[in-house]
């Protein structure tokens, strides 16, 4: 059966790798984005994957965006909540706006998107939801109380929604990536990056494709007995 998959933050970094992997596996992919129209259009030109612009932290925009996807591609069977930002600072220096933006973009977006597809999934008795958490939502991280709180919230959200969806053949799982070789991580000073890699037992940063493979596993029809789980993909850095 053909499945429509929506990936938030799906045109860059980890999201791009997830969108491409799903597309190559035969799913019909809608890659959501909000910033950098030019880069999104380049992504579309290179991959042929449809792009859809809306702010995942805004419930009304999510409703309208999902309605357009359903009209153009069909009902959504797979949702990957990947959209996320960082606004790092220690708490005693953190502006409320930095807290608010991260919570809304990283956590509220997860509610928004799930709420907009869950009724249809229940009606059709099928759904695969994968929420991208973080090693820092499991272990915490200095200077990231906002990000760690949002990602930890995603892990709890996942377990609760998994219980609600289980009877309707809807699985809800999370992936907790470690440090992955993306633009954001490559921007870290070289001496700091060396220290991060030294703490990873396998001796390297993760690759976006490592996360994408985990998504493919969790969204498969055959993965219907796995729900409420958090799959850590971190090279052994944190064993939770």
Protein backbone atom coordinates (compact mmCIF):
# COMPACT_ATOMS: atom_id res chain seq x y z
CA UNK A 1 0.00 0.00 0.00
CA UNK A 2 1.30 3.44 -0.91
CA UNK A 3 2.01 5.59 2.14
CA UNK A 4 2.23 9.36 2.38
CA UNK A 5 4.95 10.51 4.77
CA UNK A 6 5.31 14.02 6.19
CA UNK A 7 8.71 15.06 7.54
CA UNK A 8 8.95 18.36 9.40
CA UNK A 9 12.21 20.19 8.90
CA UNK A 10 12.54 17.80 6.01
CA UNK A 11 14.75 19.67 3.55
CA UNK A 12 18.01 20.06 5.49
CA UNK A 13 20.36 18.03 7.70
CA UNK A 14 18.84 15.00 9.38
CA UNK A 15 15.42 15.85 7.96
CA UNK A 16 16.74 15.79 4.42
CA UNK A 17 18.33 12.37 4.94
CA UNK A 18 15.03 11.07 6.34
CA UNK A 19 13.03 12.49 3.42
CA UNK A 20 15.42 11.00 0.88
CA UNK A 21 15.47 7.58 2.56
CA UNK A 22 11.67 7.42 2.70
CA UNK A 23 11.44 8.53 -0.92
CA UNK A 24 13.95 5.90 -2.05
CA UNK A 25 12.00 3.25 -0.11
CA UNK A 26 8.87 4.04 -2.15
CA UNK A 27 6.94 6.33 0.18
CA UNK A 28 5.34 9.53 -1.12
CA UNK A 29 7.13 12.23 0.85
CA UNK A 30 6.03 15.74 1.78
CA UNK A 31 9.03 17.63 3.14
CA UNK A 32 7.96 20.49 5.37
CA UNK A 33 10.14 23.56 5.94
CA UNK A 34 9.81 27.13 7.18
CA UNK A 35 13.10 28.96 6.57
CA UNK A 36 15.34 29.30 3.52
CA UNK A 37 13.00 29.05 0.55
CA UNK A 38 15.98 29.00 -1.81
CA UNK A 39 17.55 25.96 -0.15
CA UNK A 40 14.20 24.16 -0.10
CA UNK A 41 13.76 24.76 -3.82
CA UNK A 42 17.26 23.43 -4.47
CA UNK A 43 16.37 20.34 -2.42
CA UNK A 44 13.22 19.85 -4.50
CA UNK A 45 15.17 20.22 -7.73
CA UNK A 46 17.79 17.71 -6.63
CA UNK A 47 15.42 15.08 -5.22
CA UNK A 48 12.02 15.61 -6.84
CA UNK A 49 10.46 15.43 -3.37
CA UNK A 50 7.53 17.80 -2.85
CA UNK A 51 8.14 20.70 -0.48
CA UNK A 52 5.53 22.34 1.74
CA UNK A 53 6.11 25.54 3.66
CA UNK A 54 4.44 26.13 7.00
CA UNK A 55 5.44 26.89 10.58
CA UNK A 56 5.16 23.65 12.54
CA UNK A 57 5.00 25.62 15.80
CA UNK A 58 1.74 27.28 14.68
CA UNK A 59 -1.33 25.05 15.03
CA UNK A 60 -3.39 26.87 12.42
CA UNK A 61 -0.60 26.66 9.86
CA UNK A 62 -0.23 22.94 10.57
CA UNK A 63 -3.94 22.39 9.99
CA UNK A 64 -3.81 24.22 6.67
CA UNK A 65 -0.55 22.55 5.64
CA UNK A 66 -1.76 19.03 6.34
CA UNK A 67 -5.01 19.78 4.51
CA UNK A 68 -2.99 20.77 1.43
CA UNK A 69 -0.85 17.63 1.65
CA UNK A 70 -3.93 15.41 1.91
CA UNK A 71 -5.53 17.14 -1.06
CA UNK A 72 -2.41 16.87 -3.22
CA UNK A 73 -0.93 13.53 -2.13
CA UNK A 74 -3.48 11.62 -0.05
CA UNK A 75 -4.00 10.80 3.64
CA UNK A 76 -0.95 10.90 5.86
CA UNK A 77 0.13 7.48 7.10
CA UNK A 78 3.58 8.41 8.39
CA UNK A 79 4.66 11.45 10.37
CA UNK A 80 8.24 12.25 11.34
CA UNK A 81 8.51 15.16 13.76
CA UNK A 82 12.03 16.42 13.13
CA UNK A 83 11.73 20.22 13.23
CA UNK A 84 13.97 21.78 15.84
CA UNK A 85 16.14 24.75 16.78
CA UNK A 86 18.65 25.66 19.47
CA UNK A 87 18.93 28.91 21.43
CA UNK A 88 21.67 28.01 23.90
CA UNK A 89 22.51 29.89 27.09
CA UNK A 90 22.87 29.12 30.76
CA UNK A 91 19.61 29.64 32.61
CA UNK A 92 20.74 32.74 34.51
CA UNK A 93 21.46 34.42 31.16
CA UNK A 94 18.63 32.94 29.09
CA UNK A 95 16.02 35.31 27.70
CA UNK A 96 12.41 34.19 27.94
CA UNK A 97 12.20 34.41 24.13
CA UNK A 98 14.96 31.78 23.84
CA UNK A 99 13.01 29.45 26.11
CA UNK A 100 9.70 30.12 24.37
CA UNK A 101 11.02 29.71 20.82
CA UNK A 102 12.69 26.37 21.55
CA UNK A 103 9.70 24.93 23.42
CA UNK A 104 7.30 25.98 20.67
CA UNK A 105 9.46 24.84 17.75
CA UNK A 106 10.73 21.60 19.26
CA UNK A 107 7.86 20.41 21.46
CA UNK A 108 4.63 22.25 20.64
CA UNK A 109 5.20 21.43 16.96
CA UNK A 110 5.08 17.75 17.90
CA UNK A 111 1.62 18.22 19.46
CA UNK A 112 0.45 20.34 16.52
CA UNK A 113 1.45 17.84 13.87
CA UNK A 114 0.25 14.76 15.72
CA UNK A 115 -3.08 16.41 16.51
CA UNK A 116 -3.60 17.21 12.83
CA UNK A 117 -3.10 13.61 11.63
CA UNK A 118 -4.19 11.42 14.53
CA UNK A 119 -7.93 11.37 13.81
CA UNK A 120 -7.39 10.28 10.22
CA UNK A 121 -4.94 7.60 11.33
CA UNK A 122 -7.47 6.30 13.86
CA UNK A 123 -10.22 6.21 11.22
CA UNK A 124 -8.02 4.24 8.83
CA UNK A 125 -6.53 2.06 11.60
CA UNK A 126 -2.97 2.73 10.55
CA UNK A 127 -0.28 5.18 11.52
CA UNK A 128 3.44 5.45 12.09
CA UNK A 129 4.70 8.42 14.11
CA UNK A 130 8.40 8.94 14.80
CA UNK A 131 9.48 11.85 17.00
CA UNK A 132 13.09 12.98 16.90
CA UNK A 133 14.33 13.49 20.44
CA UNK A 134 17.95 13.88 21.51
CA UNK A 135 20.70 12.45 23.68
CA UNK A 136 20.50 15.79 25.50
CA UNK A 137 16.86 15.14 26.32
CA UNK A 138 18.01 11.94 28.04
CA UNK A 139 21.21 13.09 29.74
CA UNK A 140 20.82 16.88 29.90
CA UNK A 141 23.41 19.34 28.65
CA UNK A 142 25.02 22.42 30.13
CA UNK A 143 23.58 25.58 28.57
CA UNK A 144 20.57 23.82 27.08
CA UNK A 145 17.81 23.78 29.70
CA UNK A 146 15.33 24.84 27.00
CA UNK A 147 16.44 22.27 24.43
CA UNK A 148 16.81 19.45 26.97
CA UNK A 149 13.36 20.19 28.41
CA UNK A 150 11.75 20.16 24.97
CA UNK A 151 13.44 16.95 23.87
CA UNK A 152 12.74 15.23 27.18
CA UNK A 153 9.12 16.29 26.73
CA UNK A 154 9.09 14.59 23.34
CA UNK A 155 10.14 11.32 24.95
CA UNK A 156 7.27 11.49 27.47
CA UNK A 157 4.80 12.62 24.79
CA UNK A 158 5.82 9.59 22.71
CA UNK A 159 5.11 7.09 25.49
CA UNK A 160 1.71 8.58 26.29
CA UNK A 161 0.50 8.82 22.69
CA UNK A 162 1.76 5.29 22.00
CA UNK A 163 -0.69 3.98 24.60
CA UNK A 164 -3.55 5.91 23.00
CA UNK A 165 -2.78 4.70 19.47
CA UNK A 166 -1.89 1.07 20.10
CA UNK A 167 -5.41 -0.28 19.72
CA UNK A 168 -5.76 1.41 16.32
CA UNK A 169 -2.53 0.05 14.78
CA UNK A 170 -0.80 3.40 15.30
CA UNK A 171 2.75 3.12 16.59
CA UNK A 172 4.51 6.08 18.17
CA UNK A 173 8.24 5.91 18.78
CA UNK A 174 11.13 8.28 19.33
CA UNK A 175 14.70 8.37 18.11
CA UNK A 176 17.32 10.02 20.30
CA UNK A 177 20.29 10.96 18.10
CA UNK A 178 23.68 11.68 19.56
CA UNK A 179 25.98 14.22 17.97
CA UNK A 180 25.45 14.07 14.21
CA UNK A 181 27.65 15.60 11.52
CA UNK A 182 25.29 18.42 10.48
CA UNK A 183 25.82 22.12 9.80
CA UNK A 184 24.98 22.93 13.41
CA UNK A 185 27.56 20.52 14.83
CA UNK A 186 30.21 21.48 12.28
CA UNK A 187 29.88 25.07 13.51
CA UNK A 188 31.19 24.01 16.95
CA UNK A 189 34.81 25.13 17.57
CA UNK A 190 37.28 22.44 16.55
CA UNK A 191 38.73 21.96 20.03
CA UNK A 192 35.24 21.48 21.49
CA UNK A 193 34.31 19.07 18.70
CA UNK A 194 37.39 16.98 19.43
CA UNK A 195 36.31 16.65 23.05
CA UNK A 196 32.80 15.60 21.98
CA UNK A 197 34.14 12.90 19.65
CA UNK A 198 36.48 11.66 22.39
CA UNK A 199 33.40 10.84 24.50
CA UNK A 200 31.80 8.72 21.74
CA UNK A 201 32.92 5.07 22.09
CA UNK A 202 32.70 4.31 18.35
CA UNK A 203 35.04 7.24 17.71
CA UNK A 204 33.07 9.34 15.25
CA UNK A 205 30.12 11.66 14.88
CA UNK A 206 26.87 10.18 13.71
CA UNK A 207 25.74 10.59 10.12
CA UNK A 208 22.31 11.81 9.10
CA UNK A 209 21.88 8.52 7.27
CA UNK A 210 22.24 6.65 10.58
CA UNK A 211 19.09 8.39 11.82
CA UNK A 212 17.28 7.89 8.53
CA UNK A 213 17.84 4.12 8.66
CA UNK A 214 16.33 4.02 12.14
CA UNK A 215 13.27 5.89 10.86
CA UNK A 216 12.83 3.41 8.01
CA UNK A 217 12.88 0.55 10.51
CA UNK A 218 10.27 2.11 12.79
CA UNK A 219 7.80 3.12 10.05
CA UNK A 220 7.72 -0.27 8.35
CA UNK A 221 4.47 -2.23 8.42
CA UNK A 222 6.39 -5.08 10.05
CA UNK A 223 7.35 -2.87 13.03
CA UNK A 224 3.82 -2.91 14.41
CA UNK A 225 4.88 -4.53 17.71
CA UNK A 226 7.29 -1.70 18.55
CA UNK A 227 5.63 1.30 20.14
CA UNK A 228 6.39 3.70 22.96
CA UNK A 229 10.11 3.06 22.52
CA UNK A 230 13.04 5.44 22.31
CA UNK A 231 15.78 4.21 20.01
CA UNK A 232 19.14 5.74 20.93
CA UNK A 233 21.46 6.29 17.96
CA UNK A 234 24.49 7.83 19.61
CA UNK A 235 27.53 5.59 19.11
CA UNK A 236 27.39 4.42 22.70
CA UNK A 237 27.87 7.88 24.17
CA UNK A 238 24.89 7.55 26.50
CA UNK A 239 23.38 4.18 27.36
CA UNK A 240 19.90 4.82 28.70
